[in-house]
């Protein structure tokens, strides 16, 4: 079993962050159904319950802001150089361009529209 089961990327401006990730990864995020109680607004990344890897969401929660230095999430890509190259034009930035990590493929590091550092991973 993979140790990561869920991730949350905290944001200050949910609409801006949603646009950033949808265009960066060429995906569509879906709103999470609101449950009872004080639940934050969340937009879910596409995923399969029984699929490999972890699912997650963009989250706007009072008292929890975005920014570098906490957790680093790596998102799957066919070729991590492609979304890394789009990051700056979408309001984020390139921290480190695509580089090899031996038999584990390649990674690139970007900042998103909220200032979070995000890893991108691909096998090619």
N, C-alpha and C. Protein backbone atom coordinates (compact mmCIF):
# COMPACT_ATOMS: atom_id res chain seq x y z
N UNK A 1 0.84 -1.18 0.00
CA UNK A 1 0.00 0.00 0.00
C UNK A 1 0.89 1.24 0.00
N UNK A 2 0.54 2.22 -0.82
CA UNK A 2 1.27 3.48 -0.83
C UNK A 2 0.93 4.26 0.44
N UNK A 3 1.91 4.96 1.04
CA UNK A 3 1.67 5.64 2.30
C UNK A 3 0.80 6.89 2.19
N UNK A 4 0.74 7.52 1.04
CA UNK A 4 -0.07 8.73 0.88
C UNK A 4 -1.47 8.33 0.43
N UNK A 5 -2.47 8.76 1.18
CA UNK A 5 -3.85 8.41 0.84
C UNK A 5 -4.67 9.62 0.45
N UNK A 6 -4.20 10.82 0.74
CA UNK A 6 -4.96 12.03 0.44
C UNK A 6 -4.01 13.21 0.52
N UNK A 7 -4.27 14.26 -0.24
CA UNK A 7 -3.50 15.49 -0.10
C UNK A 7 -4.43 16.68 -0.20
N UNK A 8 -4.05 17.77 0.45
CA UNK A 8 -4.77 19.03 0.36
C UNK A 8 -3.76 20.13 0.06
N UNK A 9 -4.08 20.94 -0.94
CA UNK A 9 -3.26 22.09 -1.29
C UNK A 9 -4.05 23.32 -0.83
N UNK A 10 -3.54 24.01 0.17
CA UNK A 10 -4.26 25.15 0.74
C UNK A 10 -4.07 26.39 -0.12
N UNK A 11 -5.15 27.14 -0.29
CA UNK A 11 -5.17 28.28 -1.19
C UNK A 11 -5.82 29.47 -0.51
N UNK A 12 -5.49 30.66 -1.00
CA UNK A 12 -6.13 31.89 -0.54
C UNK A 12 -7.26 32.29 -1.49
N UNK A 13 -7.06 32.08 -2.78
CA UNK A 13 -8.05 32.44 -3.80
C UNK A 13 -8.39 31.17 -4.57
N UNK A 14 -9.51 30.54 -4.22
CA UNK A 14 -9.87 29.25 -4.77
C UNK A 14 -10.12 29.30 -6.27
N UNK A 15 -10.76 30.33 -6.76
CA UNK A 15 -11.03 30.44 -8.20
C UNK A 15 -9.72 30.55 -8.98
N UNK A 16 -8.81 31.38 -8.51
CA UNK A 16 -7.51 31.55 -9.17
C UNK A 16 -6.73 30.24 -9.16
N UNK A 17 -6.68 29.56 -8.00
CA UNK A 17 -5.94 28.30 -7.89
C UNK A 17 -6.57 27.22 -8.77
N UNK A 18 -7.88 27.16 -8.80
CA UNK A 18 -8.56 26.16 -9.63
C UNK A 18 -8.21 26.36 -11.10
N UNK A 19 -8.26 27.59 -11.57
CA UNK A 19 -7.89 27.89 -12.95
C UNK A 19 -6.44 27.49 -13.23
N UNK A 20 -5.54 27.81 -12.29
CA UNK A 20 -4.13 27.47 -12.44
C UNK A 20 -3.96 25.97 -12.65
N UNK A 21 -4.50 25.13 -11.77
CA UNK A 21 -4.31 23.68 -11.86
C UNK A 21 -5.04 23.06 -13.03
N UNK A 22 -6.21 23.55 -13.36
CA UNK A 22 -6.93 22.99 -14.51
C UNK A 22 -6.15 23.25 -15.80
N UNK A 23 -5.60 24.44 -15.95
CA UNK A 23 -4.84 24.75 -17.16
C UNK A 23 -3.44 24.13 -17.13
N UNK A 24 -2.83 24.06 -15.96
CA UNK A 24 -1.49 23.48 -15.83
C UNK A 24 -1.51 22.00 -16.23
N UNK A 25 -2.45 21.25 -15.66
CA UNK A 25 -2.50 19.80 -15.87
C UNK A 25 -3.51 19.37 -16.93
N UNK A 26 -4.24 20.34 -17.50
CA UNK A 26 -5.26 20.06 -18.52
C UNK A 26 -6.27 19.04 -17.99
N UNK A 27 -6.84 19.37 -16.82
CA UNK A 27 -7.83 18.53 -16.14
C UNK A 27 -9.01 19.40 -15.73
N UNK A 28 -10.05 18.78 -15.19
CA UNK A 28 -11.18 19.51 -14.63
C UNK A 28 -11.35 19.09 -13.18
N UNK A 29 -11.32 20.05 -12.28
CA UNK A 29 -11.58 19.78 -10.87
C UNK A 29 -13.08 19.85 -10.62
N UNK A 30 -13.55 19.05 -9.68
CA UNK A 30 -14.97 18.99 -9.36
C UNK A 30 -15.20 19.45 -7.93
N UNK A 31 -16.32 20.17 -7.68
CA UNK A 31 -16.58 20.60 -6.29
C UNK A 31 -16.91 19.40 -5.41
N UNK A 32 -16.42 19.43 -4.18
CA UNK A 32 -16.75 18.39 -3.21
C UNK A 32 -18.10 18.72 -2.60
N UNK A 33 -18.94 17.70 -2.43
CA UNK A 33 -20.24 17.92 -1.80
C UNK A 33 -20.02 18.46 -0.40
N UNK A 34 -20.79 19.45 -0.04
CA UNK A 34 -20.69 20.00 1.31
C UNK A 34 -21.37 19.06 2.29
N UNK A 35 -20.71 18.80 3.41
CA UNK A 35 -21.26 17.93 4.43
C UNK A 35 -21.71 18.78 5.62
N UNK A 36 -22.29 18.16 6.60
CA UNK A 36 -22.75 18.88 7.79
C UNK A 36 -21.55 19.44 8.55
N UNK A 37 -21.79 20.51 9.26
CA UNK A 37 -20.74 21.08 10.09
C UNK A 37 -19.95 22.15 9.36
N UNK A 38 -18.88 22.55 10.00
CA UNK A 38 -18.01 23.60 9.48
C UNK A 38 -16.97 22.97 8.57
N UNK A 39 -17.32 22.78 7.31
CA UNK A 39 -16.46 22.11 6.35
C UNK A 39 -15.94 23.12 5.35
N UNK A 40 -14.64 23.11 5.02
CA UNK A 40 -14.11 24.09 4.07
C UNK A 40 -14.54 23.78 2.64
N UNK A 41 -14.48 24.80 1.79
CA UNK A 41 -14.76 24.60 0.37
C UNK A 41 -13.59 23.86 -0.25
N UNK A 42 -13.91 22.81 -1.03
CA UNK A 42 -12.88 21.98 -1.66
C UNK A 42 -13.24 21.72 -3.12
N UNK A 43 -12.20 21.67 -3.96
CA UNK A 43 -12.34 21.25 -5.35
C UNK A 43 -11.42 20.06 -5.55
N UNK A 44 -12.00 18.95 -5.99
CA UNK A 44 -11.29 17.67 -6.07
C UNK A 44 -10.54 17.48 -7.38
N UNK A 45 -9.33 16.95 -7.29
CA UNK A 45 -8.59 16.51 -8.46
C UNK A 45 -9.25 15.22 -8.95
N UNK A 46 -9.23 14.96 -10.27
CA UNK A 46 -9.81 13.71 -10.76
C UNK A 46 -9.03 12.51 -10.22
N UNK A 47 -9.75 11.44 -9.94
CA UNK A 47 -9.09 10.24 -9.43
C UNK A 47 -10.05 9.08 -9.39
N UNK A 48 -9.50 7.91 -9.13
CA UNK A 48 -10.28 6.69 -9.03
C UNK A 48 -10.07 6.12 -7.64
N UNK A 49 -11.17 5.73 -6.97
CA UNK A 49 -11.06 5.19 -5.61
C UNK A 49 -10.09 4.03 -5.52
N UNK A 50 -10.11 3.14 -6.49
CA UNK A 50 -9.25 1.96 -6.45
C UNK A 50 -7.99 2.14 -7.28
N UNK A 51 -7.75 3.35 -7.81
CA UNK A 51 -6.58 3.60 -8.65
C UNK A 51 -5.31 3.73 -7.84
N UNK A 52 -4.20 3.74 -8.55
CA UNK A 52 -2.89 3.88 -7.92
C UNK A 52 -2.68 5.33 -7.50
N UNK A 53 -1.98 5.53 -6.40
CA UNK A 53 -1.68 6.88 -5.95
C UNK A 53 -2.77 7.45 -5.07
N UNK A 54 -2.69 8.74 -4.78
CA UNK A 54 -3.61 9.40 -3.85
C UNK A 54 -4.47 10.42 -4.57
N UNK A 55 -5.66 10.61 -4.06
CA UNK A 55 -6.54 11.68 -4.53
C UNK A 55 -6.35 12.87 -3.60
N UNK A 56 -6.83 14.03 -4.04
CA UNK A 56 -6.70 15.21 -3.21
C UNK A 56 -7.53 16.35 -3.71
N UNK A 57 -7.36 17.51 -3.06
CA UNK A 57 -8.20 18.66 -3.36
C UNK A 57 -7.48 19.97 -3.10
N UNK A 58 -7.98 21.03 -3.76
CA UNK A 58 -7.64 22.39 -3.38
C UNK A 58 -8.59 22.74 -2.25
N UNK A 59 -8.08 23.40 -1.20
CA UNK A 59 -8.90 23.67 -0.03
C UNK A 59 -8.72 25.12 0.41
N UNK A 60 -9.85 25.79 0.65
CA UNK A 60 -9.82 27.12 1.26
C UNK A 60 -10.39 26.96 2.66
N UNK A 61 -9.51 27.12 3.67
CA UNK A 61 -9.91 26.89 5.05
C UNK A 61 -9.42 28.04 5.93
N UNK A 62 -10.30 28.59 6.72
CA UNK A 62 -9.91 29.66 7.63
C UNK A 62 -8.79 29.18 8.55
N UNK A 63 -7.78 30.02 8.71
CA UNK A 63 -6.69 29.71 9.61
C UNK A 63 -5.57 28.87 9.01
N UNK A 64 -5.74 28.40 7.78
CA UNK A 64 -4.71 27.59 7.12
C UNK A 64 -4.43 28.24 5.77
N UNK A 65 -3.27 28.87 5.64
CA UNK A 65 -2.94 29.58 4.42
C UNK A 65 -1.95 28.83 3.56
N UNK A 66 -1.81 29.25 2.31
CA UNK A 66 -0.85 28.64 1.41
C UNK A 66 0.55 29.15 1.67
N UNK A 67 1.52 28.50 1.04
CA UNK A 67 2.89 28.98 1.11
C UNK A 67 3.89 27.84 1.16
N UNK A 68 5.16 28.17 0.91
CA UNK A 68 6.21 27.15 0.89
C UNK A 68 6.63 26.72 2.29
N UNK A 69 7.25 25.54 2.37
CA UNK A 69 7.87 25.13 3.60
C UNK A 69 7.17 24.04 4.38
N UNK A 70 5.99 23.62 4.00
CA UNK A 70 5.30 22.58 4.75
C UNK A 70 5.45 21.25 4.04
N UNK A 71 4.45 20.85 3.35
CA UNK A 71 4.40 19.57 2.66
C UNK A 71 4.63 19.78 1.17
N UNK A 72 5.35 18.87 0.54
CA UNK A 72 5.56 18.93 -0.90
C UNK A 72 4.79 17.80 -1.55
N UNK A 73 3.83 18.15 -2.39
CA UNK A 73 3.01 17.19 -3.11
C UNK A 73 3.56 17.06 -4.52
N UNK A 74 3.68 15.82 -5.01
CA UNK A 74 4.10 15.58 -6.39
C UNK A 74 2.88 15.13 -7.19
N UNK A 75 2.62 15.79 -8.31
CA UNK A 75 1.51 15.45 -9.19
C UNK A 75 2.03 14.72 -10.42
N UNK A 76 1.31 13.69 -10.84
CA UNK A 76 1.70 12.89 -12.01
C UNK A 76 1.49 13.67 -13.30
N UNK A 77 2.43 13.51 -14.24
CA UNK A 77 2.35 14.12 -15.57
C UNK A 77 2.89 13.11 -16.58
N UNK A 78 2.49 13.23 -17.83
CA UNK A 78 3.09 12.40 -18.87
C UNK A 78 4.54 12.80 -19.09
N UNK A 79 4.79 14.12 -19.13
CA UNK A 79 6.15 14.68 -19.25
C UNK A 79 6.17 15.93 -18.39
N UNK A 80 6.83 15.89 -17.25
CA UNK A 80 6.77 17.00 -16.30
C UNK A 80 7.32 18.31 -16.86
N UNK A 81 8.08 18.27 -17.93
CA UNK A 81 8.59 19.51 -18.53
C UNK A 81 7.47 20.35 -19.12
N UNK A 82 6.41 19.70 -19.62
CA UNK A 82 5.33 20.46 -20.26
C UNK A 82 4.57 21.34 -19.27
N UNK A 83 3.99 20.80 -18.17
CA UNK A 83 3.32 21.70 -17.24
C UNK A 83 4.29 22.65 -16.54
N UNK A 84 5.53 22.22 -16.30
CA UNK A 84 6.52 23.12 -15.69
C UNK A 84 6.72 24.35 -16.58
N UNK A 85 6.69 24.13 -17.89
CA UNK A 85 6.85 25.23 -18.83
C UNK A 85 5.64 26.16 -18.88
N UNK A 86 4.47 25.69 -18.43
CA UNK A 86 3.25 26.51 -18.43
C UNK A 86 3.07 27.28 -17.12
N UNK A 87 3.75 26.90 -16.07
CA UNK A 87 3.48 27.44 -14.73
C UNK A 87 3.55 28.97 -14.67
N UNK A 88 4.61 29.55 -15.20
CA UNK A 88 4.78 31.00 -15.10
C UNK A 88 3.69 31.76 -15.84
N UNK A 89 3.27 31.27 -16.99
CA UNK A 89 2.23 31.97 -17.76
C UNK A 89 0.86 31.87 -17.09
N UNK A 90 0.73 30.98 -16.10
CA UNK A 90 -0.54 30.79 -15.39
C UNK A 90 -0.54 31.47 -14.02
N UNK A 91 0.49 32.25 -13.73
CA UNK A 91 0.54 32.96 -12.46
C UNK A 91 1.40 32.29 -11.40
N UNK A 92 2.05 31.19 -11.75
CA UNK A 92 2.96 30.51 -10.83
C UNK A 92 4.39 30.82 -11.22
N UNK A 93 5.28 29.86 -11.02
CA UNK A 93 6.67 30.06 -11.38
C UNK A 93 7.42 28.75 -11.47
N UNK A 94 8.54 28.78 -12.13
CA UNK A 94 9.41 27.62 -12.24
C UNK A 94 10.49 27.73 -11.17
N UNK A 95 10.57 26.73 -10.29
CA UNK A 95 11.60 26.70 -9.26
C UNK A 95 12.80 25.90 -9.74
N UNK A 96 12.54 24.72 -10.29
CA UNK A 96 13.61 23.90 -10.86
C UNK A 96 13.05 23.11 -12.02
N UNK A 97 13.67 23.27 -13.18
CA UNK A 97 13.21 22.60 -14.40
C UNK A 97 13.40 21.09 -14.27
N UNK A 98 12.81 20.36 -15.18
CA UNK A 98 12.85 18.90 -15.21
C UNK A 98 14.27 18.37 -15.04
N UNK A 99 14.41 17.38 -14.13
CA UNK A 99 15.70 16.72 -13.97
C UNK A 99 15.47 15.26 -13.60
N UNK A 100 16.46 14.43 -13.91
CA UNK A 100 16.35 12.98 -13.70
C UNK A 100 16.55 12.62 -12.23
N UNK A 101 15.79 11.61 -11.80
CA UNK A 101 15.96 11.06 -10.45
C UNK A 101 16.23 9.55 -10.57
N UNK A 102 17.15 9.21 -11.47
CA UNK A 102 17.57 7.83 -11.67
C UNK A 102 16.45 6.96 -12.21
N UNK A 103 16.33 5.74 -11.70
CA UNK A 103 15.32 4.82 -12.22
C UNK A 103 13.89 5.22 -11.86
N UNK A 104 13.72 6.29 -11.08
CA UNK A 104 12.40 6.72 -10.65
C UNK A 104 11.78 7.77 -11.56
N UNK A 105 12.46 8.11 -12.66
CA UNK A 105 11.88 9.03 -13.62
C UNK A 105 12.47 10.43 -13.53
N UNK A 106 11.58 11.42 -13.58
CA UNK A 106 11.98 12.82 -13.64
C UNK A 106 11.04 13.64 -12.77
N UNK A 107 11.56 14.76 -12.25
CA UNK A 107 10.72 15.70 -11.52
C UNK A 107 11.06 17.13 -11.93
N UNK A 108 10.12 18.02 -11.68
CA UNK A 108 10.31 19.46 -11.81
C UNK A 108 9.61 20.08 -10.61
N UNK A 109 10.07 21.24 -10.18
CA UNK A 109 9.46 21.95 -9.06
C UNK A 109 8.96 23.29 -9.53
N UNK A 110 7.71 23.59 -9.17
CA UNK A 110 7.09 24.86 -9.56
C UNK A 110 6.47 25.51 -8.33
N UNK A 111 6.10 26.77 -8.47
CA UNK A 111 5.22 27.40 -7.48
C UNK A 111 3.88 27.60 -8.17
N UNK A 112 2.80 27.43 -7.40
CA UNK A 112 1.48 27.62 -7.98
C UNK A 112 1.05 29.07 -7.83
N UNK A 113 -0.17 29.38 -8.22
CA UNK A 113 -0.67 30.76 -8.17
C UNK A 113 -0.83 31.27 -6.75
N UNK A 114 -0.75 30.39 -5.75
CA UNK A 114 -0.92 30.77 -4.35
C UNK A 114 0.40 30.84 -3.59
N UNK A 115 1.52 30.48 -4.23
CA UNK A 115 2.82 30.50 -3.58
C UNK A 115 3.25 29.17 -3.02
N UNK A 116 2.44 28.11 -3.20
CA UNK A 116 2.82 26.77 -2.76
C UNK A 116 3.87 26.18 -3.69
N UNK A 117 4.87 25.48 -3.15
CA UNK A 117 5.78 24.73 -4.01
C UNK A 117 5.15 23.39 -4.27
N UNK A 118 5.11 22.99 -5.56
CA UNK A 118 4.49 21.74 -6.00
C UNK A 118 5.50 20.98 -6.85
N UNK A 119 5.59 19.66 -6.64
CA UNK A 119 6.43 18.82 -7.46
C UNK A 119 5.63 18.22 -8.60
N UNK A 120 6.27 18.06 -9.74
CA UNK A 120 5.67 17.39 -10.90
C UNK A 120 6.54 16.16 -11.17
N UNK A 121 5.92 15.00 -11.44
CA UNK A 121 6.66 13.75 -11.65
C UNK A 121 6.21 13.08 -12.94
N UNK A 122 7.17 12.55 -13.68
CA UNK A 122 6.87 11.74 -14.86
C UNK A 122 7.96 10.70 -15.02
N UNK A 123 7.64 9.65 -15.76
CA UNK A 123 8.64 8.60 -16.02
C UNK A 123 9.45 8.91 -17.27
N UNK A 124 8.99 9.85 -18.09
CA UNK A 124 9.74 10.22 -19.30
C UNK A 124 10.09 11.69 -19.26
